[in-house]
């Protein structure tokens, strides 16, 4: 490691959203479905393991400089009412008194605006049975609706024949790549130069997870900042710990 002169403390730089592989894959799917012929189905699914950056991709598509999609992230305790209230909040509408009126509010706005709707953590509505409510949204608007969830989401959706038949595209989220990790350094390790061998090692131990790479990049940058270091490579990092996602072993 090489030493660098002490720098005055400054406020953290604002965080952006990296242009990762799964960002491009989700954007491509949304744009392809949005361009579909009128008689074709208009729903899509991105599925994959936790940590692969699916939610980051959804946030990128939500950004006004991206696809300006609406985004709802489902929660484990939600009901139909909770879902509709959260959707209407995203749409900028005060919820009506009944579920039927809330659904009408949502469908009118979505149909008029013609913006994509992304529903993240879509395993929850599938598990809890209000996935049919999402089908109602689609049938009433014919909008581009994207479901994002875990690896098993396609199998869950096949239990709902009226949903499965409306899926135009299935996109498996891809594991983090060497290109991705170098893009992530632009956000999570801007203050330090990390060598290619250490970056490749981060990809190897991440087991596909973007989240683990981000944690490790920030860990390396924090260490470099504390020790006044300009560059870090695999040899100089040595036996310092890196985040692998494994729980610590029980001490006897």
Protein backbone atom coordinates (compact mmCIF):
# COMPACT_ATOMS: atom_id res chain seq x y z
CA UNK A 1 0.00 0.00 0.00
CA UNK A 2 1.21 3.55 -0.72
CA UNK A 3 0.81 6.41 1.73
CA UNK A 4 -1.02 9.56 0.75
CA UNK A 5 -1.00 13.00 2.37
CA UNK A 6 -3.64 13.67 5.01
CA UNK A 7 -6.73 15.26 3.50
CA UNK A 8 -9.19 17.54 5.31
CA UNK A 9 -12.46 15.86 6.29
CA UNK A 10 -15.35 16.52 3.92
CA UNK A 11 -18.99 15.55 3.71
CA UNK A 12 -19.72 12.22 1.98
CA UNK A 13 -20.40 12.50 -1.74
CA UNK A 14 -24.02 11.85 -2.72
CA UNK A 15 -24.70 8.25 -3.70
CA UNK A 16 -25.81 7.39 -7.24
CA UNK A 17 -27.10 4.21 -8.76
CA UNK A 18 -24.54 2.15 -10.64
CA UNK A 19 -25.30 1.07 -14.19
CA UNK A 20 -25.06 -2.66 -13.46
CA UNK A 21 -25.86 -5.70 -15.59
CA UNK A 22 -29.26 -6.19 -13.96
CA UNK A 23 -30.12 -2.52 -14.41
CA UNK A 24 -29.68 -2.96 -18.15
CA UNK A 25 -31.59 -6.25 -18.22
CA UNK A 26 -34.57 -4.81 -16.35
CA UNK A 27 -34.63 -1.66 -18.48
CA UNK A 28 -34.47 -3.71 -21.67
CA UNK A 29 -37.37 -5.91 -20.53
CA UNK A 30 -39.52 -2.93 -19.57
CA UNK A 31 -38.87 -1.16 -22.87
CA UNK A 32 -39.50 -4.33 -24.88
CA UNK A 33 -42.85 -4.96 -23.15
CA UNK A 34 -43.85 -1.29 -23.47
CA UNK A 35 -43.34 -1.55 -27.26
CA UNK A 36 -45.46 -4.69 -27.60
CA UNK A 37 -48.34 -5.06 -30.03
CA UNK A 38 -51.72 -4.30 -28.43
CA UNK A 39 -52.87 -7.94 -28.42
CA UNK A 40 -49.80 -9.23 -26.53
CA UNK A 41 -49.56 -9.65 -22.73
CA UNK A 42 -47.94 -6.78 -20.85
CA UNK A 43 -46.45 -8.17 -17.64
CA UNK A 44 -42.85 -9.15 -16.95
CA UNK A 45 -40.93 -10.86 -14.15
CA UNK A 46 -37.37 -10.41 -12.89
CA UNK A 47 -36.37 -13.14 -10.45
CA UNK A 48 -33.22 -14.15 -8.63
CA UNK A 49 -31.47 -14.68 -5.30
CA UNK A 50 -31.44 -12.05 -2.58
CA UNK A 51 -28.60 -9.56 -2.94
CA UNK A 52 -28.32 -9.72 -6.73
CA UNK A 53 -29.29 -6.06 -7.10
CA UNK A 54 -32.86 -6.46 -8.33
CA UNK A 55 -34.13 -3.67 -6.11
CA UNK A 56 -31.26 -1.43 -7.25
CA UNK A 57 -32.36 -2.09 -10.81
CA UNK A 58 -35.93 -1.19 -9.88
CA UNK A 59 -34.77 2.06 -8.25
CA UNK A 60 -32.86 2.93 -11.43
CA UNK A 61 -36.00 2.36 -13.54
CA UNK A 62 -38.01 4.50 -11.11
CA UNK A 63 -35.67 7.48 -11.46
CA UNK A 64 -37.02 10.35 -13.60
CA UNK A 65 -33.80 10.22 -15.63
CA UNK A 66 -34.37 6.51 -16.21
CA UNK A 67 -37.73 5.06 -17.23
CA UNK A 68 -39.75 7.11 -14.71
CA UNK A 69 -41.57 3.99 -13.53
CA UNK A 70 -43.77 3.82 -10.47
CA UNK A 71 -42.35 1.51 -7.81
CA UNK A 72 -44.08 -0.27 -4.94
CA UNK A 73 -42.05 -2.48 -2.59
CA UNK A 74 -44.34 -4.96 -0.87
CA UNK A 75 -44.00 -5.84 2.81
CA UNK A 76 -44.53 -9.18 4.53
CA UNK A 77 -47.50 -8.02 6.64
CA UNK A 78 -49.39 -6.22 3.87
CA UNK A 79 -53.01 -6.89 2.99
CA UNK A 80 -54.92 -5.81 -0.12
CA UNK A 81 -55.70 -2.54 1.63
CA UNK A 82 -52.05 -1.96 2.56
CA UNK A 83 -50.98 -2.60 -1.02
CA UNK A 84 -53.53 -0.23 -2.53
CA UNK A 85 -52.76 2.50 0.00
CA UNK A 86 -49.04 2.27 -0.77
CA UNK A 87 -49.68 2.23 -4.52
CA UNK A 88 -51.88 5.32 -4.29
CA UNK A 89 -49.21 7.08 -2.25
CA UNK A 90 -46.71 6.33 -5.03
CA UNK A 91 -49.23 7.68 -7.54
CA UNK A 92 -49.71 10.85 -5.47
CA UNK A 93 -53.39 10.19 -4.72
CA UNK A 94 -55.23 10.32 -1.39
CA UNK A 95 -56.90 6.91 -0.85
CA UNK A 96 -60.68 6.63 -1.05
CA UNK A 97 -62.74 4.97 1.68
CA UNK A 98 -63.23 1.52 0.14
CA UNK A 99 -61.01 -1.03 -1.62
CA UNK A 100 -63.12 -0.88 -4.78
CA UNK A 101 -62.81 2.89 -5.02
CA UNK A 102 -59.08 2.75 -4.29
CA UNK A 103 -58.66 0.26 -7.14
CA UNK A 104 -60.62 2.56 -9.45
CA UNK A 105 -58.40 5.50 -8.44
CA UNK A 106 -55.25 3.52 -9.19
CA UNK A 107 -56.42 2.12 -12.51
CA UNK A 108 -57.56 5.52 -13.77
CA UNK A 109 -54.20 7.13 -13.00
CA UNK A 110 -52.08 4.26 -14.37
CA UNK A 111 -54.13 3.99 -17.57
CA UNK A 112 -53.94 7.75 -18.16
CA UNK A 113 -50.22 8.25 -17.43
CA UNK A 114 -49.00 5.19 -19.36
CA UNK A 115 -45.93 4.80 -17.12
CA UNK A 116 -44.55 1.37 -16.17
CA UNK A 117 -45.41 -0.02 -12.74
CA UNK A 118 -42.82 -2.11 -10.88
CA UNK A 119 -43.89 -4.26 -7.93
CA UNK A 120 -40.88 -5.36 -5.89
CA UNK A 121 -40.94 -8.23 -3.37
CA UNK A 122 -43.78 -9.75 -5.40
CA UNK A 123 -43.42 -13.04 -3.54
CA UNK A 124 -45.54 -11.52 -0.79
CA UNK A 125 -48.70 -10.82 -2.84
CA UNK A 126 -48.32 -14.25 -4.41
CA UNK A 127 -48.01 -15.96 -1.01
CA UNK A 128 -50.85 -13.96 0.53
CA UNK A 129 -53.24 -14.26 -2.40
CA UNK A 130 -53.65 -10.62 -3.40
CA UNK A 131 -51.70 -11.20 -6.62
CA UNK A 132 -55.14 -11.27 -8.30
CA UNK A 133 -55.45 -7.61 -7.36
CA UNK A 134 -52.38 -6.93 -9.49
CA UNK A 135 -54.02 -8.83 -12.33
CA UNK A 136 -57.06 -6.55 -11.92
CA UNK A 137 -54.73 -3.54 -12.26
CA UNK A 138 -53.28 -4.97 -15.43
CA UNK A 139 -56.62 -5.90 -17.00
CA UNK A 140 -58.05 -2.46 -16.28
CA UNK A 141 -55.06 -0.50 -17.59
CA UNK A 142 -53.10 -2.74 -20.01
CA UNK A 143 -50.06 -1.00 -18.56
CA UNK A 144 -46.57 -2.46 -18.46
CA UNK A 145 -46.38 -4.13 -15.05
CA UNK A 146 -43.18 -5.77 -13.79
CA UNK A 147 -42.99 -8.17 -10.85
CA UNK A 148 -39.67 -8.57 -9.04
CA UNK A 149 -38.97 -11.35 -6.57
CA UNK A 150 -36.84 -14.24 -5.40
CA UNK A 151 -35.66 -17.30 -7.34
CA UNK A 152 -38.88 -19.22 -6.76
CA UNK A 153 -41.23 -16.47 -7.96
CA UNK A 154 -41.83 -18.01 -11.43
CA UNK A 155 -42.96 -21.28 -9.84
CA UNK A 156 -45.24 -19.40 -7.44
CA UNK A 157 -46.84 -17.45 -10.27
CA UNK A 158 -47.54 -20.61 -12.26
CA UNK A 159 -50.05 -21.51 -9.52
CA UNK A 160 -52.02 -18.45 -10.65
CA UNK A 161 -52.99 -19.36 -14.19
CA UNK A 162 -54.55 -15.96 -14.93
CA UNK A 163 -51.29 -14.26 -13.95
CA UNK A 164 -48.95 -16.73 -15.62
CA UNK A 165 -50.76 -16.32 -18.94
CA UNK A 166 -50.17 -12.57 -18.93
CA UNK A 167 -46.39 -12.72 -18.54
CA UNK A 168 -44.59 -11.61 -21.69
CA UNK A 169 -41.03 -11.73 -20.36
CA UNK A 170 -39.10 -13.71 -17.76
CA UNK A 171 -35.70 -12.31 -16.80
CA UNK A 172 -33.32 -14.08 -14.41
CA UNK A 173 -31.16 -11.64 -12.46
CA UNK A 174 -27.46 -12.23 -13.16
CA UNK A 175 -24.69 -12.60 -10.55
CA UNK A 176 -22.39 -9.65 -9.99
CA UNK A 177 -19.61 -9.51 -12.59
CA UNK A 178 -16.16 -8.01 -12.87
CA UNK A 179 -17.63 -5.19 -14.95
CA UNK A 180 -20.22 -4.56 -12.23
CA UNK A 181 -17.69 -4.40 -9.40
CA UNK A 182 -15.64 -1.83 -11.28
CA UNK A 183 -18.77 0.24 -11.83
CA UNK A 184 -19.58 0.00 -8.11
CA UNK A 185 -16.19 1.40 -7.13
CA UNK A 186 -17.33 4.68 -8.67
CA UNK A 187 -19.91 4.96 -5.89
CA UNK A 188 -18.62 2.96 -2.93
CA UNK A 189 -14.83 3.43 -3.20
CA UNK A 190 -14.24 6.77 -4.84
CA UNK A 191 -11.45 7.77 -2.45
CA UNK A 192 -9.14 4.81 -2.96
CA UNK A 193 -7.64 2.90 -5.90
CA UNK A 194 -8.36 -0.83 -5.61
CA UNK A 195 -6.27 -3.17 -7.76
CA UNK A 196 -7.77 -5.60 -10.26
CA UNK A 197 -6.70 -8.66 -8.29
CA UNK A 198 -8.55 -7.47 -5.17
CA UNK A 199 -11.64 -6.50 -7.19
CA UNK A 200 -11.68 -9.94 -8.83
CA UNK A 201 -11.37 -11.50 -5.36
CA UNK A 202 -14.41 -9.52 -4.21
CA UNK A 203 -16.43 -10.97 -7.10
CA UNK A 204 -15.29 -14.48 -6.21
CA UNK A 205 -16.27 -14.31 -2.54
CA UNK A 206 -19.54 -12.45 -3.23
CA UNK A 207 -21.20 -15.59 -4.65
CA UNK A 208 -23.15 -13.43 -7.05
CA UNK A 209 -24.31 -10.83 -4.53
CA UNK A 210 -24.05 -7.14 -5.43
CA UNK A 211 -24.80 -6.33 -1.79
CA UNK A 212 -21.71 -8.17 -0.53
CA UNK A 213 -19.51 -6.38 -3.05
CA UNK A 214 -20.87 -3.01 -1.92
CA UNK A 215 -20.21 -3.83 1.75
CA UNK A 216 -16.64 -4.85 0.97
CA UNK A 217 -15.89 -1.83 -1.22
CA UNK A 218 -17.00 0.47 1.56
CA UNK A 219 -15.00 -1.57 4.10
CA UNK A 220 -11.85 -1.22 1.97
CA UNK A 221 -12.39 2.50 1.50
CA UNK A 222 -12.98 3.06 5.24
CA UNK A 223 -9.80 1.12 6.07
CA UNK A 224 -7.81 3.10 3.51
CA UNK A 225 -9.17 6.37 4.87
CA UNK A 226 -8.34 5.45 8.48
CA UNK A 227 -4.80 4.35 7.58
CA UNK A 228 -4.10 7.15 5.08
CA UNK A 229 -3.70 4.82 2.10
CA UNK A 230 -4.05 5.66 -1.59
CA UNK A 231 -4.09 2.18 -3.15
CA UNK A 232 -4.95 -1.33 -1.98
CA UNK A 233 -4.24 -4.66 -3.67
CA UNK A 234 -4.88 -8.27 -2.69
CA UNK A 235 -1.42 -8.82 -1.24
CA UNK A 236 -1.39 -5.68 0.84
CA UNK A 237 -4.94 -6.30 2.10
CA UNK A 238 -3.50 -9.50 3.50
CA UNK A 239 -5.48 -11.34 6.16
CA UNK A 240 -7.90 -8.54 6.96
CA UNK A 241 -11.49 -9.70 7.05
CA UNK A 242 -13.88 -9.28 4.14
CA UNK A 243 -17.65 -9.68 4.27
CA UNK A 244 -18.88 -13.02 2.93
CA UNK A 245 -22.39 -13.08 4.38
CA UNK A 246 -21.60 -16.03 6.63
CA UNK A 247 -22.66 -15.84 10.25
CA UNK A 248 -19.75 -16.02 12.74
CA UNK A 249 -18.90 -19.43 14.15
CA UNK A 250 -20.16 -20.21 17.64
CA UNK A 251 -17.47 -19.87 20.26
CA UNK A 252 -17.08 -22.85 22.56
